[in-house]
Amino acid sequence: LRLVLGGAGSGLHDIVMARVYLTQFERDYEAMNAVYRS
């Protein structure tokens, strides 16, 4: 996503809204959040 945003003249600091899709929601939610938050 950072690569794509950079190519469009933007960056992570410009994100207004994100949608996250998980195939193993219960198992992966907390671990995904830890990485996402970083």
PDB file of all heavy atoms in Angstrom:
ATOM      1  N   LEU A   1       0.833  -1.204   0.000  1.00  0.00           N
ATOM      2  CA  LEU A   1       0.000   0.000   0.000  1.00  0.00           C
ATOM      3  C   LEU A   1       0.867   1.253   0.000  1.00  0.00           C
ATOM      4  O   LEU A   1       0.562   2.226  -0.691  1.00  0.00           O
ATOM      5  CB  LEU A   1      -0.936  -0.001   1.213  1.00  0.00           C
ATOM      6  CG  LEU A   1      -2.086  -0.993   1.141  1.00  0.00           C
ATOM      7  CD1 LEU A   1      -2.717  -1.186   2.512  1.00  0.00           C
ATOM      8  CD2 LEU A   1      -3.125  -0.568   0.108  1.00  0.00           C
ATOM      9  N   ARG A   2       1.950   1.226   0.745  1.00  0.00           N
ATOM     10  CA  ARG A   2       2.869   2.375   0.768  1.00  0.00           C
ATOM     11  C   ARG A   2       3.460   2.615  -0.626  1.00  0.00           C
ATOM     12  O   ARG A   2       3.584   3.758  -1.071  1.00  0.00           O
ATOM     13  CB  ARG A   2       3.973   2.134   1.791  1.00  0.00           C
ATOM     14  CG  ARG A   2       4.785   3.368   2.040  1.00  0.00           C
ATOM     15  CD  ARG A   2       5.912   3.226   3.025  1.00  0.00           C
ATOM     16  NE  ARG A   2       5.920   2.053   3.841  1.00  0.00           N
ATOM     17  CZ  ARG A   2       6.380   2.024   5.075  1.00  0.00           C
ATOM     18  NH1 ARG A   2       6.837   3.122   5.642  1.00  0.00           N
ATOM     19  NH2 ARG A   2       6.419   0.912   5.752  1.00  0.00           N
ATOM     20  N   LEU A   3       3.827   1.537  -1.326  1.00  0.00           N
ATOM     21  CA  LEU A   3       4.322   1.664  -2.710  1.00  0.00           C
ATOM     22  C   LEU A   3       3.285   2.311  -3.616  1.00  0.00           C
ATOM     23  O   LEU A   3       3.599   3.212  -4.395  1.00  0.00           O
ATOM     24  CB  LEU A   3       4.625   0.276  -3.275  1.00  0.00           C
ATOM     25  CG  LEU A   3       5.999  -0.317  -3.136  1.00  0.00           C
ATOM     26  CD1 LEU A   3       5.985  -1.777  -3.574  1.00  0.00           C
ATOM     27  CD2 LEU A   3       7.001   0.459  -3.946  1.00  0.00           C
ATOM     28  N   VAL A   4       2.062   1.827  -3.534  1.00  0.00           N
ATOM     29  CA  VAL A   4       0.986   2.350  -4.377  1.00  0.00           C
ATOM     30  C   VAL A   4       0.710   3.817  -4.050  1.00  0.00           C
ATOM     31  O   VAL A   4       0.612   4.661  -4.942  1.00  0.00           O
ATOM     32  CB  VAL A   4      -0.281   1.484  -4.232  1.00  0.00           C
ATOM     33  CG1 VAL A   4      -1.475   2.142  -4.897  1.00  0.00           C
ATOM     34  CG2 VAL A   4      -0.045   0.092  -4.808  1.00  0.00           C
ATOM     35  N   LEU A   5       0.592   4.133  -2.770  1.00  0.00           N
ATOM     36  CA  LEU A   5       0.358   5.529  -2.381  1.00  0.00           C
ATOM     37  C   LEU A   5       1.497   6.429  -2.841  1.00  0.00           C
ATOM     38  O   LEU A   5       1.259   7.529  -3.349  1.00  0.00           O
ATOM     39  CB  LEU A   5       0.199   5.633  -0.863  1.00  0.00           C
ATOM     40  CG  LEU A   5      -1.116   5.150  -0.278  1.00  0.00           C
ATOM     41  CD1 LEU A   5      -1.008   5.015   1.231  1.00  0.00           C
ATOM     42  CD2 LEU A   5      -2.256   6.078  -0.661  1.00  0.00           C
ATOM     43  N   GLY A   6       2.732   5.972  -2.675  1.00  0.00           N
ATOM     44  CA  GLY A   6       3.880   6.760  -3.115  1.00  0.00           C
ATOM     45  C   GLY A   6       3.834   7.053  -4.602  1.00  0.00           C
ATOM     46  O   GLY A   6       4.127   8.162  -5.042  1.00  0.00           O
ATOM     47  N   GLY A   7       3.431   6.058  -5.389  1.00  0.00           N
ATOM     48  CA  GLY A   7       3.322   6.252  -6.830  1.00  0.00           C
ATOM     49  C   GLY A   7       2.222   7.222  -7.217  1.00  0.00           C
ATOM     50  O   GLY A   7       2.232   7.776  -8.310  1.00  0.00           O
ATOM     51  N   ALA A   8       1.287   7.444  -6.309  1.00  0.00           N
ATOM     52  CA  ALA A   8       0.192   8.392  -6.552  1.00  0.00           C
ATOM     53  C   ALA A   8       0.466   9.740  -5.885  1.00  0.00           C
ATOM     54  O   ALA A   8      -0.421  10.586  -5.788  1.00  0.00           O
ATOM     55  CB  ALA A   8      -1.118   7.809  -6.033  1.00  0.00           C
ATOM     56  N   GLY A   9       1.702   9.938  -5.392  1.00  0.00           N
ATOM     57  CA  GLY A   9       2.065  11.207  -4.782  1.00  0.00           C
ATOM     58  C   GLY A   9       1.525  11.383  -3.375  1.00  0.00           C
ATOM     59  O   GLY A   9       1.237  12.501  -2.952  1.00  0.00           O
ATOM     60  N   SER A  10       1.408  10.291  -2.655  1.00  0.00           N
ATOM     61  CA  SER A  10       0.816  10.329  -1.325  1.00  0.00           C
ATOM     62  C   SER A  10       1.608   9.418  -0.392  1.00  0.00           C
ATOM     63  O   SER A  10       2.671   8.924  -0.747  1.00  0.00           O
ATOM     64  CB  SER A  10      -0.649   9.874  -1.434  1.00  0.00           C
ATOM     65  OG  SER A  10      -1.323  10.020  -0.217  1.00  0.00           O
ATOM     66  N   GLY A  11       1.093   9.201   0.794  1.00  0.00           N
ATOM     67  CA  GLY A  11       1.751   8.316   1.743  1.00  0.00           C
ATOM     68  C   GLY A  11       0.785   7.864   2.814  1.00  0.00           C
ATOM     69  O   GLY A  11      -0.390   8.253   2.827  1.00  0.00           O
ATOM     70  N   LEU A  12       1.288   7.058   3.735  1.00  0.00           N
ATOM     71  CA  LEU A  12       0.435   6.534   4.804  1.00  0.00           C
ATOM     72  C   LEU A  12      -0.189   7.652   5.635  1.00  0.00           C
ATOM     73  O   LEU A  12      -1.286   7.498   6.169  1.00  0.00           O
ATOM     74  CB  LEU A  12       1.240   5.600   5.712  1.00  0.00           C
ATOM     75  CG  LEU A  12       1.769   4.304   5.089  1.00  0.00           C
ATOM     76  CD1 LEU A  12       2.588   3.518   6.112  1.00  0.00           C
ATOM     77  CD2 LEU A  12       0.650   3.450   4.521  1.00  0.00           C
ATOM     78  N   HIS A  13       0.478   8.791   5.744  1.00  0.00           N
ATOM     79  CA  HIS A  13      -0.036   9.918   6.523  1.00  0.00           C
ATOM     80  C   HIS A  13      -1.316  10.514   5.927  1.00  0.00           C
ATOM     81  O   HIS A  13      -2.013  11.260   6.609  1.00  0.00           O
ATOM     82  CB  HIS A  13       1.041  11.003   6.663  1.00  0.00           C
ATOM     83  CG  HIS A  13       1.513  11.513   5.332  1.00  0.00           C
ATOM     84  ND1 HIS A  13       2.458  10.842   4.581  1.00  0.00           N
ATOM     85  CD2 HIS A  13       1.166  12.599   4.623  1.00  0.00           C
ATOM     86  CE1 HIS A  13       2.666  11.507   3.455  1.00  0.00           C
ATOM     87  NE2 HIS A  13       1.889  12.578   3.459  1.00  0.00           N
ATOM     88  N   ASP A  14      -1.618  10.200   4.678  1.00  0.00           N
ATOM     89  CA  ASP A  14      -2.806  10.737   4.014  1.00  0.00           C
ATOM     90  C   ASP A  14      -4.015   9.805   4.077  1.00  0.00           C
ATOM     91  O   ASP A  14      -5.079  10.130   3.549  1.00  0.00           O
ATOM     92  CB  ASP A  14      -2.497  11.032   2.532  1.00  0.00           C
ATOM     93  CG  ASP A  14      -1.525  12.191   2.372  1.00  0.00           C
ATOM     94  OD1 ASP A  14      -1.596  13.153   3.158  1.00  0.00           O
ATOM     95  OD2 ASP A  14      -0.690  12.128   1.448  1.00  0.00           O
ATOM     96  N   ILE A  15      -3.867   8.648   4.719  1.00  0.00           N
ATOM     97  CA  ILE A  15      -4.980   7.692   4.778  1.00  0.00           C
ATOM     98  C   ILE A  15      -6.081   8.238   5.675  1.00  0.00           C
ATOM     99  O   ILE A  15      -5.843   8.659   6.801  1.00  0.00           O
ATOM    100  CB  ILE A  15      -4.516   6.315   5.304  1.00  0.00           C
ATOM    101  CG1 ILE A  15      -3.474   5.715   4.366  1.00  0.00           C
ATOM    102  CG2 ILE A  15      -5.709   5.369   5.456  1.00  0.00           C
ATOM    103  CD1 ILE A  15      -2.808   4.466   4.930  1.00  0.00           C
ATOM    104  N   VAL A  16      -7.301   8.199   5.152  1.00  0.00           N
ATOM    105  CA  VAL A  16      -8.485   8.628   5.882  1.00  0.00           C
ATOM    106  C   VAL A  16      -9.239   7.414   6.424  1.00  0.00           C
ATOM    107  O   VAL A  16      -9.718   7.422   7.552  1.00  0.00           O
ATOM    108  CB  VAL A  16      -9.408   9.465   4.957  1.00  0.00           C
ATOM    109  CG1 VAL A  16     -10.707   9.818   5.652  1.00  0.00           C
ATOM    110  CG2 VAL A  16      -8.681  10.709   4.470  1.00  0.00           C
ATOM    111  N   MET A  17      -9.330   6.358   5.610  1.00  0.00           N
ATOM    112  CA  MET A  17     -10.135   5.188   5.957  1.00  0.00           C
ATOM    113  C   MET A  17      -9.468   3.939   5.398  1.00  0.00           C
ATOM    114  O   MET A  17      -8.944   3.960   4.292  1.00  0.00           O
ATOM    115  CB  MET A  17     -11.536   5.337   5.344  1.00  0.00           C
ATOM    116  CG  MET A  17     -12.455   4.169   5.478  1.00  0.00           C
ATOM    117  SD  MET A  17     -13.096   4.071   7.141  1.00  0.00           S
ATOM    118  CE  MET A  17     -14.040   2.572   7.041  1.00  0.00           C
ATOM    119  N   ALA A  18      -9.481   2.879   6.183  1.00  0.00           N
ATOM    120  CA  ALA A  18      -8.961   1.588   5.727  1.00  0.00           C
ATOM    121  C   ALA A  18     -10.025   0.524   5.956  1.00  0.00           C
ATOM    122  O   ALA A  18     -10.791   0.599   6.918  1.00  0.00           O
ATOM    123  CB  ALA A  18      -7.688   1.232   6.494  1.00  0.00           C
ATOM    124  N   ARG A  19     -10.035  -0.465   5.061  1.00  0.00           N
ATOM    125  CA  ARG A  19     -10.863  -1.657   5.253  1.00  0.00           C
ATOM    126  C   ARG A  19      -9.933  -2.850   5.219  1.00  0.00           C
ATOM    127  O   ARG A  19      -9.166  -3.020   4.278  1.00  0.00           O
ATOM    128  CB  ARG A  19     -11.922  -1.782   4.154  1.00  0.00           C
ATOM    129  CG  ARG A  19     -13.142  -0.920   4.419  1.00  0.00           C
ATOM    130  CD  ARG A  19     -14.191  -1.148   3.356  1.00  0.00           C
ATOM    131  NE  ARG A  19     -13.641  -0.788   2.054  1.00  0.00           N
ATOM    132  CZ  ARG A  19     -14.105   0.206   1.299  1.00  0.00           C
ATOM    133  NH1 ARG A  19     -15.137   0.899   1.671  1.00  0.00           N
ATOM    134  NH2 ARG A  19     -13.551   0.475   0.153  1.00  0.00           N
ATOM    135  N   VAL A  20     -10.019  -3.660   6.265  1.00  0.00           N
ATOM    136  CA  VAL A  20      -9.182  -4.841   6.409  1.00  0.00           C
ATOM    137  C   VAL A  20     -10.063  -6.066   6.265  1.00  0.00           C
ATOM    138  O   VAL A  20     -11.137  -6.137   6.872  1.00  0.00           O
ATOM    139  CB  VAL A  20      -8.490  -4.857   7.794  1.00  0.00           C
ATOM    140  CG1 VAL A  20      -7.622  -6.100   7.950  1.00  0.00           C
ATOM    141  CG2 VAL A  20      -7.680  -3.585   8.018  1.00  0.00           C
ATOM    142  N   TYR A  21      -9.608  -7.020   5.466  1.00  0.00           N
ATOM    143  CA  TYR A  21     -10.331  -8.270   5.252  1.00  0.00           C
ATOM    144  C   TYR A  21      -9.458  -9.408   5.765  1.00  0.00           C
ATOM    145  O   TYR A  21      -8.304  -9.534   5.358  1.00  0.00           O
ATOM    146  CB  TYR A  21     -10.618  -8.471   3.759  1.00  0.00           C
ATOM    147  CG  TYR A  21     -11.330  -7.289   3.146  1.00  0.00           C
ATOM    148  CD1 TYR A  21     -10.616  -6.228   2.599  1.00  0.00           C
ATOM    149  CD2 TYR A  21     -12.723  -7.232   3.118  1.00  0.00           C
ATOM    150  CE1 TYR A  21     -11.269  -5.135   2.052  1.00  0.00           C
ATOM    151  CE2 TYR A  21     -13.380  -6.143   2.566  1.00  0.00           C
ATOM    152  CZ  TYR A  21     -12.650  -5.093   2.045  1.00  0.00           C
ATOM    153  OH  TYR A  21     -13.296  -4.010   1.501  1.00  0.00           O
ATOM    154  N   LEU A  22     -10.005 -10.213   6.669  1.00  0.00           N
ATOM    155  CA  LEU A  22      -9.274 -11.338   7.257  1.00  0.00           C
ATOM    156  C   LEU A  22     -10.018 -12.642   7.008  1.00  0.00           C
ATOM    157  O   LEU A  22     -11.227 -12.711   7.242  1.00  0.00           O
ATOM    158  CB  LEU A  22      -9.143 -11.156   8.778  1.00  0.00           C
ATOM    159  CG  LEU A  22      -8.311  -9.992   9.277  1.00  0.00           C
ATOM    160  CD1 LEU A  22      -8.440  -9.868  10.783  1.00  0.00           C
ATOM    161  CD2 LEU A  22      -6.860 -10.165   8.870  1.00  0.00           C
ATOM    162  N   THR A  23      -9.291 -13.674   6.578  1.00  0.00           N
ATOM    163  CA  THR A  23      -9.931 -14.976   6.367  1.00  0.00           C
ATOM    164  C   THR A  23     -10.034 -15.779   7.655  1.00  0.00           C
ATOM    165  O   THR A  23     -10.869 -16.674   7.755  1.00  0.00           O
ATOM    166  CB  THR A  23      -9.172 -15.815   5.312  1.00  0.00           C
ATOM    167  OG1 THR A  23      -7.837 -16.013   5.761  1.00  0.00           O
ATOM    168  CG2 THR A  23      -9.201 -15.145   3.952  1.00  0.00           C
ATOM    169  N   GLN A  24      -9.202 -15.472   8.625  1.00  0.00           N
ATOM    170  CA  GLN A  24      -9.222 -16.164   9.927  1.00  0.00           C
ATOM    171  C   GLN A  24      -9.380 -15.098  11.015  1.00  0.00           C
ATOM    172  O   GLN A  24      -8.475 -14.866  11.810  1.00  0.00           O
ATOM    173  CB  GLN A  24      -7.932 -16.972  10.129  1.00  0.00           C
ATOM    174  CG  GLN A  24      -7.686 -18.019   9.082  1.00  0.00           C
ATOM    175  CD  GLN A  24      -8.697 -19.154   9.180  1.00  0.00           C
ATOM    176  OE1 GLN A  24      -9.096 -19.561  10.260  1.00  0.00           O
ATOM    177  NE2 GLN A  24      -9.132 -19.648   8.030  1.00  0.00           N
ATOM    178  N   PHE A  25     -10.542 -14.478  11.048  1.00  0.00           N
ATOM    179  CA  PHE A  25     -10.775 -13.300  11.884  1.00  0.00           C
ATOM    180  C   PHE A  25     -10.421 -13.547  13.354  1.00  0.00           C
ATOM    181  O   PHE A  25      -9.619 -12.817  13.932  1.00  0.00           O
ATOM    182  CB  PHE A  25     -12.231 -12.845  11.752  1.00  0.00           C
ATOM    183  CG  PHE A  25     -12.487 -11.504  12.351  1.00  0.00           C
ATOM    184  CD1 PHE A  25     -12.403 -10.365  11.577  1.00  0.00           C
ATOM    185  CD2 PHE A  25     -12.808 -11.371  13.691  1.00  0.00           C
ATOM    186  CE1 PHE A  25     -12.637  -9.118  12.128  1.00  0.00           C
ATOM    187  CE2 PHE A  25     -13.037 -10.127  14.254  1.00  0.00           C
ATOM    188  CZ  PHE A  25     -12.950  -8.998  13.478  1.00  0.00           C
ATOM    189  N   GLU A  26     -11.026 -14.531  13.955  1.00  0.00           N
ATOM    190  CA  GLU A  26     -10.808 -14.784  15.393  1.00  0.00           C
ATOM    191  C   GLU A  26      -9.337 -15.074  15.695  1.00  0.00           C
ATOM    192  O   GLU A  26      -8.789 -14.580  16.669  1.00  0.00           O
ATOM    193  CB  GLU A  26     -11.682 -15.936  15.882  1.00  0.00           C
ATOM    194  CG  GLU A  26     -13.164 -15.647  15.844  1.00  0.00           C
ATOM    195  CD  GLU A  26     -13.582 -14.531  16.803  1.00  0.00           C
ATOM    196  OE1 GLU A  26     -12.984 -14.428  17.896  1.00  0.00           O
ATOM    197  OE2 GLU A  26     -14.491 -13.768  16.447  1.00  0.00           O
ATOM    198  N   ARG A  27      -8.710 -15.861  14.859  1.00  0.00           N
ATOM    199  CA  ARG A  27      -7.326 -16.249  15.095  1.00  0.00           C
ATOM    200  C   ARG A  27      -6.351 -15.093  14.873  1.00  0.00           C
ATOM    201  O   ARG A  27      -5.389 -14.923  15.626  1.00  0.00           O
ATOM    202  CB  ARG A  27      -6.967 -17.420  14.175  1.00  0.00           C
ATOM    203  CG  ARG A  27      -5.555 -17.947  14.389  1.00  0.00           C
ATOM    204  CD  ARG A  27      -5.130 -18.898  13.316  1.00  0.00           C
ATOM    205  NE  ARG A  27      -4.828 -18.160  12.077  1.00  0.00           N
ATOM    206  CZ  ARG A  27      -4.618 -18.733  10.906  1.00  0.00           C
ATOM    207  NH1 ARG A  27      -4.704 -20.051  10.786  1.00  0.00           N
ATOM    208  NH2 ARG A  27      -4.337 -18.017   9.844  1.00  0.00           N
ATOM    209  N   ASP A  28      -6.578 -14.277  13.822  1.00  0.00           N
ATOM    210  CA  ASP A  28      -5.567 -13.328  13.359  1.00  0.00           C
ATOM    211  C   ASP A  28      -5.809 -11.868  13.727  1.00  0.00           C
ATOM    212  O   ASP A  28      -4.931 -11.025  13.512  1.00  0.00           O
ATOM    213  CB  ASP A  28      -5.437 -13.433  11.836  1.00  0.00           C
ATOM    214  CG  ASP A  28      -4.819 -14.747  11.393  1.00  0.00           C
ATOM    215  OD1 ASP A  28      -4.174 -15.416  12.228  1.00  0.00           O
ATOM    216  OD2 ASP A  28      -4.996 -15.112  10.218  1.00  0.00           O
ATOM    217  N   TYR A  29      -6.962 -11.547  14.274  1.00  0.00           N
ATOM    218  CA  TYR A  29      -7.324 -10.146  14.520  1.00  0.00           C
ATOM    219  C   TYR A  29      -6.291  -9.405  15.374  1.00  0.00           C
ATOM    220  O   TYR A  29      -5.821  -8.334  14.998  1.00  0.00           O
ATOM    221  CB  TYR A  29      -8.714 -10.083  15.163  1.00  0.00           C
ATOM    222  CG  TYR A  29      -9.228  -8.694  15.384  1.00  0.00           C
ATOM    223  CD1 TYR A  29      -9.649  -7.907  14.316  1.00  0.00           C
ATOM    224  CD2 TYR A  29      -9.305  -8.155  16.663  1.00  0.00           C
ATOM    225  CE1 TYR A  29     -10.130  -6.628  14.521  1.00  0.00           C
ATOM    226  CE2 TYR A  29      -9.784  -6.876  16.876  1.00  0.00           C
ATOM    227  CZ  TYR A  29     -10.201  -6.119  15.802  1.00  0.00           C
ATOM    228  OH  TYR A  29     -10.674  -4.856  16.003  1.00  0.00           O
ATOM    229  N   GLU A  30      -5.935  -9.942  16.517  1.00  0.00           N
ATOM    230  CA  GLU A  30      -5.006  -9.246  17.415  1.00  0.00           C
ATOM    231  C   GLU A  30      -3.614  -9.115  16.807  1.00  0.00           C
ATOM    232  O   GLU A  30      -2.981  -8.060  16.906  1.00  0.00           O
ATOM    233  CB  GLU A  30      -4.938  -9.942  18.769  1.00  0.00           C
ATOM    234  CG  GLU A  30      -6.215  -9.798  19.578  1.00  0.00           C
ATOM    235  CD  GLU A  30      -6.624  -8.350  19.830  1.00  0.00           C
ATOM    236  OE1 GLU A  30      -5.736  -7.496  20.047  1.00  0.00           O
ATOM    237  OE2 GLU A  30      -7.844  -8.072  19.791  1.00  0.00           O
ATOM    238  N   ALA A  31      -3.113 -10.171  16.187  1.00  0.00           N
ATOM    239  CA  ALA A  31      -1.776 -10.120  15.583  1.00  0.00           C
ATOM    240  C   ALA A  31      -1.737  -9.139  14.411  1.00  0.00           C
ATOM    241  O   ALA A  31      -0.756  -8.397  14.243  1.00  0.00           O
ATOM    242  CB  ALA A  31      -1.344 -11.516  15.138  1.00  0.00           C
ATOM    243  N   MET A  32      -2.796  -9.117  13.607  1.00  0.00           N
ATOM    244  CA  MET A  32      -2.865  -8.146  12.506  1.00  0.00           C
ATOM    245  C   MET A  32      -2.853  -6.733  13.075  1.00  0.00           C
ATOM    246  O   MET A  32      -2.143  -5.855  12.593  1.00  0.00           O
ATOM    247  CB  MET A  32      -4.123  -8.391  11.662  1.00  0.00           C
ATOM    248  CG  MET A  32      -4.324  -7.413  10.515  1.00  0.00           C
ATOM    249  SD  MET A  32      -5.045  -5.808  10.952  1.00  0.00           S
ATOM    250  CE  MET A  32      -6.616  -6.279  11.639  1.00  0.00           C
ATOM    251  N   ASN A  33      -3.649  -6.494  14.130  1.00  0.00           N
ATOM    252  CA  ASN A  33      -3.711  -5.161  14.739  1.00  0.00           C
ATOM    253  C   ASN A  33      -2.350  -4.704  15.252  1.00  0.00           C
ATOM    254  O   ASN A  33      -2.007  -3.526  15.130  1.00  0.00           O
ATOM    255  CB  ASN A  33      -4.718  -5.143  15.896  1.00  0.00           C
ATOM    256  CG  ASN A  33      -6.119  -4.911  15.422  1.00  0.00           C
ATOM    257  OD1 ASN A  33      -6.367  -4.211  14.448  1.00  0.00           O
ATOM    258  ND2 ASN A  33      -7.063  -5.517  16.115  1.00  0.00           N
ATOM    259  N   ALA A  34      -1.578  -5.590  15.832  1.00  0.00           N
ATOM    260  CA  ALA A  34      -0.258  -5.221  16.361  1.00  0.00           C
ATOM    261  C   ALA A  34       0.643  -4.703  15.241  1.00  0.00           C
ATOM    262  O   ALA A  34       1.326  -3.683  15.401  1.00  0.00           O
ATOM    263  CB  ALA A  34       0.385  -6.408  17.065  1.00  0.00           C
ATOM    264  N   VAL A  35       0.639  -5.386  14.101  1.00  0.00           N
ATOM    265  CA  VAL A  35       1.450  -4.933  12.962  1.00  0.00           C
ATOM    266  C   VAL A  35       0.871  -3.650  12.380  1.00  0.00           C
ATOM    267  O   VAL A  35       1.592  -2.679  12.145  1.00  0.00           O
ATOM    268  CB  VAL A  35       1.548  -6.039  11.880  1.00  0.00           C
ATOM    269  CG1 VAL A  35       2.248  -5.514  10.641  1.00  0.00           C
ATOM    270  CG2 VAL A  35       2.252  -7.258  12.446  1.00  0.00           C
ATOM    271  N   TYR A  36      -0.427  -3.632  12.134  1.00  0.00           N
ATOM    272  CA  TYR A  36      -1.105  -2.462  11.555  1.00  0.00           C
ATOM    273  C   TYR A  36      -0.796  -1.210  12.380  1.00  0.00           C
ATOM    274  O   TYR A  36      -0.402  -0.183  11.842  1.00  0.00           O
ATOM    275  CB  TYR A  36      -2.610  -2.743  11.521  1.00  0.00           C
ATOM    276  CG  TYR A  36      -3.456  -1.624  10.988  1.00  0.00           C
ATOM    277  CD1 TYR A  36      -3.798  -1.560   9.642  1.00  0.00           C
ATOM    278  CD2 TYR A  36      -3.955  -0.631  11.832  1.00  0.00           C
ATOM    279  CE1 TYR A  36      -4.600  -0.536   9.149  1.00  0.00           C
ATOM    280  CE2 TYR A  36      -4.747   0.391  11.356  1.00  0.00           C
ATOM    281  CZ  TYR A  36      -5.072   0.441  10.015  1.00  0.00           C
ATOM    282  OH  TYR A  36      -5.864   1.453   9.535  1.00  0.00           O
ATOM    283  N   ARG A  37      -0.966  -1.296  13.686  1.00  0.00           N
ATOM    284  CA  ARG A  37      -0.761  -0.153  14.584  1.00  0.00           C
ATOM    285  C   ARG A  37       0.666   0.387  14.473  1.00  0.00           C
ATOM    286  O   ARG A  37       0.895   1.598  14.591  1.00  0.00           O
ATOM    287  CB  ARG A  37      -1.052  -0.591  16.016  1.00  0.00           C
ATOM    288  CG  ARG A  37      -1.065   0.533  17.017  1.00  0.00           C
ATOM    289  CD  ARG A  37      -1.387   0.055  18.433  1.00  0.00           C
ATOM    290  NE  ARG A  37      -2.726  -0.508  18.516  1.00  0.00           N
ATOM    291  CZ  ARG A  37      -3.005  -1.798  18.750  1.00  0.00           C
ATOM    292  NH1 ARG A  37      -2.023  -2.667  18.927  1.00  0.00           N
ATOM    293  NH2 ARG A  37      -4.238  -2.230  18.813  1.00  0.00           N
ATOM    294  N   SER A  38       1.641  -0.470  14.220  1.00  0.00           N
ATOM    295  CA  SER A  38       3.045  -0.042  14.179  1.00  0.00           C
ATOM    296  C   SER A  38       3.361   0.889  13.010  1.00  0.00           C
ATOM    297  O   SER A  38       4.401   1.551  13.020  1.00  0.00           O
ATOM    298  CB  SER A  38       3.961  -1.269  14.136  1.00  0.00           C
ATOM    299  OG  SER A  38       3.930  -1.890  12.855  1.00  0.00           O
TER     300      SER A  38
END
